[in-house]
């Protein structure tokens, strides 16, 4: 049976609802998402691959997006979370995950941000086990980590620029901040 509904005077096609069993299984997986990111992703990959072609065949445009959005609203999670889980599971198949099983889901996501160079960063991260922020910094800087003082100095410059225009700051603080931001001090 084809569902139609009237919206602003137009008849629109209503895709068939998702099976309740599918939604309930996803709800259970997402309730313990910290431990089940990969399971959620693998589940979504199989659902999107199986149902996506059927929904496209009946005229649902962007079936992957529609399926994920619909499941997210039925389960009560953000669609971006489900998109992330599905994309990560596609990017890192089970054999790759087992190769880098010492890395967390989030560390692998940080490595994924390197695009085609992801494996180089995953190998490095598997040897050093750095926090995600360090992986992202290394990816952002093309493979080398900037010295810690460089980031701190950038923040000092930003703060000095804010202080020199702060009317509540004492004149000596504002003058020092101006000299720092001009590069005279430091």
Protein backbone atom coordinates (compact mmCIF):
# COMPACT_ATOMS: atom_id res chain seq x y z
CA UNK A 1 0.00 0.00 0.00
CA UNK A 2 1.35 3.41 -0.94
CA UNK A 3 1.09 6.11 1.69
CA UNK A 4 0.29 9.64 0.61
CA UNK A 5 -0.24 12.70 2.74
CA UNK A 6 -1.45 16.20 2.03
CA UNK A 7 1.10 18.94 2.71
CA UNK A 8 0.24 22.54 1.81
CA UNK A 9 -2.30 21.34 -0.72
CA UNK A 10 0.04 18.84 -2.42
CA UNK A 11 -0.06 15.08 -2.27
CA UNK A 12 3.32 13.73 -1.25
CA UNK A 13 4.60 10.20 -1.16
CA UNK A 14 5.30 8.81 2.33
CA UNK A 15 8.02 6.10 2.36
CA UNK A 16 7.15 2.98 4.34
CA UNK A 17 8.13 3.04 8.00
CA UNK A 18 11.23 1.28 9.23
CA UNK A 19 10.70 -2.05 10.97
CA UNK A 20 10.34 -1.70 14.75
CA UNK A 21 12.82 -4.56 15.33
CA UNK A 22 15.51 -2.66 13.42
CA UNK A 23 14.88 0.51 15.42
CA UNK A 24 14.89 -1.37 18.73
CA UNK A 25 18.17 -3.13 17.94
CA UNK A 26 19.79 0.21 17.09
CA UNK A 27 18.37 1.78 20.27
CA UNK A 28 20.01 -0.93 22.38
CA UNK A 29 23.36 -0.50 20.64
CA UNK A 30 23.38 3.29 20.96
CA UNK A 31 22.49 3.23 24.66
CA UNK A 32 25.95 1.81 25.31
CA UNK A 33 27.61 3.69 22.45
CA UNK A 34 31.01 4.13 24.11
CA UNK A 35 31.57 0.39 23.97
CA UNK A 36 29.70 -0.28 20.78
CA UNK A 37 30.73 2.35 18.21
CA UNK A 38 31.98 -0.28 15.80
CA UNK A 39 28.94 -2.50 16.32
CA UNK A 40 26.65 0.45 15.65
CA UNK A 41 28.65 1.32 12.53
CA UNK A 42 28.67 -2.25 11.20
CA UNK A 43 24.95 -2.52 11.89
CA UNK A 44 24.27 0.73 10.03
CA UNK A 45 26.44 -0.31 7.07
CA UNK A 46 24.45 -3.53 6.70
CA UNK A 47 21.10 -1.74 7.07
CA UNK A 48 21.99 1.07 4.66
CA UNK A 49 23.42 -1.37 2.11
CA UNK A 50 20.41 -3.67 2.32
CA UNK A 51 17.54 -1.22 2.67
CA UNK A 52 19.06 1.70 0.78
CA UNK A 53 18.64 0.06 -2.61
CA UNK A 54 15.00 -0.83 -1.83
CA UNK A 55 14.17 2.68 -0.69
CA UNK A 56 15.87 4.16 -3.76
CA UNK A 57 13.88 1.77 -5.98
CA UNK A 58 10.61 3.16 -4.60
CA UNK A 59 11.74 6.74 -5.16
CA UNK A 60 13.35 7.85 -1.90
CA UNK A 61 16.06 10.32 -2.87
CA UNK A 62 19.30 10.13 -0.89
CA UNK A 63 18.17 6.91 0.74
CA UNK A 64 21.28 6.63 2.97
CA UNK A 65 20.63 10.07 4.43
CA UNK A 66 16.91 9.37 4.80
CA UNK A 67 17.51 6.03 6.53
CA UNK A 68 20.05 7.43 8.97
CA UNK A 69 17.95 10.51 9.75
CA UNK A 70 14.82 8.40 10.25
CA UNK A 71 16.61 5.88 12.49
CA UNK A 72 18.19 8.69 14.51
CA UNK A 73 14.86 10.36 15.19
CA UNK A 74 13.21 7.05 16.09
CA UNK A 75 16.04 6.06 18.46
CA UNK A 76 16.55 9.52 19.95
CA UNK A 77 20.16 10.14 18.95
CA UNK A 78 21.70 12.80 16.76
CA UNK A 79 21.89 11.85 13.09
CA UNK A 80 25.50 13.07 12.93
CA UNK A 81 26.44 10.41 15.50
CA UNK A 82 24.96 7.67 13.34
CA UNK A 83 26.55 9.11 10.18
CA UNK A 84 29.92 9.10 11.95
CA UNK A 85 29.55 5.48 13.10
CA UNK A 86 28.53 4.32 9.62
CA UNK A 87 31.30 6.28 7.87
CA UNK A 88 33.95 5.00 10.28
CA UNK A 89 32.82 1.38 9.86
CA UNK A 90 33.00 1.77 6.07
CA UNK A 91 36.41 3.44 6.22
CA UNK A 92 37.88 0.88 8.64
CA UNK A 93 36.69 -2.63 7.77
CA UNK A 94 37.04 -5.30 10.47
CA UNK A 95 40.42 -6.54 9.21
CA UNK A 96 41.92 -3.03 9.46
CA UNK A 97 40.39 -2.51 12.91
CA UNK A 98 41.94 -5.73 14.15
CA UNK A 99 45.31 -4.62 12.77
CA UNK A 100 45.09 -1.42 14.82
CA UNK A 101 43.14 -2.83 17.78
CA UNK A 102 45.40 -1.03 20.24
CA UNK A 103 43.92 2.29 19.07
CA UNK A 104 40.59 3.58 20.30
CA UNK A 105 37.72 4.47 18.03
CA UNK A 106 38.51 8.15 18.52
CA UNK A 107 42.21 7.74 17.78
CA UNK A 108 41.32 6.01 14.52
CA UNK A 109 38.91 8.85 13.72
CA UNK A 110 41.77 11.31 14.25
CA UNK A 111 43.95 9.24 11.87
CA UNK A 112 41.11 9.19 9.32
CA UNK A 113 41.28 12.98 9.15
CA UNK A 114 44.61 12.57 7.32
CA UNK A 115 42.73 11.23 4.28
CA UNK A 116 44.89 9.00 2.07
CA UNK A 117 47.75 9.27 4.56
CA UNK A 118 45.67 7.77 7.38
CA UNK A 119 47.72 4.55 7.58
CA UNK A 120 50.99 6.35 8.20
CA UNK A 121 49.42 8.12 11.18
CA UNK A 122 47.76 4.94 12.44
CA UNK A 123 51.11 3.12 12.41
CA UNK A 124 52.77 5.98 14.29
CA UNK A 125 49.86 6.22 16.75
CA UNK A 126 49.92 2.46 17.38
CA UNK A 127 53.57 2.74 18.44
CA UNK A 128 53.24 5.85 20.64
CA UNK A 129 49.54 5.71 21.69
CA UNK A 130 49.19 9.51 21.81
CA UNK A 131 45.97 11.31 22.76
CA UNK A 132 43.62 12.26 19.92
CA UNK A 133 44.60 15.94 20.16
CA UNK A 134 48.23 15.04 19.46
CA UNK A 135 47.26 12.90 16.45
CA UNK A 136 45.14 15.76 15.09
CA UNK A 137 47.97 18.26 15.64
CA UNK A 138 50.39 16.02 13.78
CA UNK A 139 47.93 15.55 10.90
CA UNK A 140 47.24 19.30 10.78
CA UNK A 141 50.98 20.06 10.61
CA UNK A 142 51.73 17.60 7.83
CA UNK A 143 53.35 14.94 9.96
CA UNK A 144 55.41 16.92 12.40
CA UNK A 145 54.37 18.09 15.81
CA UNK A 146 54.82 21.79 16.47
CA UNK A 147 56.78 22.52 19.64
CA UNK A 148 54.52 23.07 22.64
CA UNK A 149 55.85 26.59 23.17
CA UNK A 150 54.64 27.66 19.69
CA UNK A 151 51.01 27.04 20.59
CA UNK A 152 51.45 28.73 23.93
CA UNK A 153 53.11 31.74 22.33
CA UNK A 154 50.23 32.09 19.86
CA UNK A 155 47.82 32.17 22.79
CA UNK A 156 49.98 34.82 24.54
CA UNK A 157 49.79 37.00 21.41
CA UNK A 158 46.02 36.52 21.21
CA UNK A 159 45.62 37.43 24.87
CA UNK A 160 47.86 40.47 24.53
CA UNK A 161 45.74 41.72 21.64
CA UNK A 162 42.65 41.36 23.80
CA UNK A 163 44.31 43.05 26.79
CA UNK A 164 45.53 46.10 24.91
CA UNK A 165 41.96 46.99 23.96
CA UNK A 166 40.49 46.15 27.38
CA UNK A 167 39.54 49.48 28.92
CA UNK A 168 39.33 47.96 32.41
CA UNK A 169 42.96 46.77 32.35
CA UNK A 170 45.50 49.05 34.09
CA UNK A 171 47.57 51.24 31.71
CA UNK A 172 50.79 49.33 32.46
CA UNK A 173 49.14 46.01 31.51
CA UNK A 174 47.73 47.51 28.32
CA UNK A 175 51.15 48.96 27.38
CA UNK A 176 52.91 45.64 28.04
CA UNK A 177 50.27 43.79 26.01
CA UNK A 178 50.77 46.27 23.14
CA UNK A 179 54.56 45.77 23.21
CA UNK A 180 54.13 41.97 23.18
CA UNK A 181 51.68 42.02 20.28
CA UNK A 182 54.00 44.35 18.33
CA UNK A 183 56.88 41.94 18.93
CA UNK A 184 58.99 44.41 20.90
CA UNK A 185 58.81 42.26 24.03
CA UNK A 186 59.39 38.59 23.44
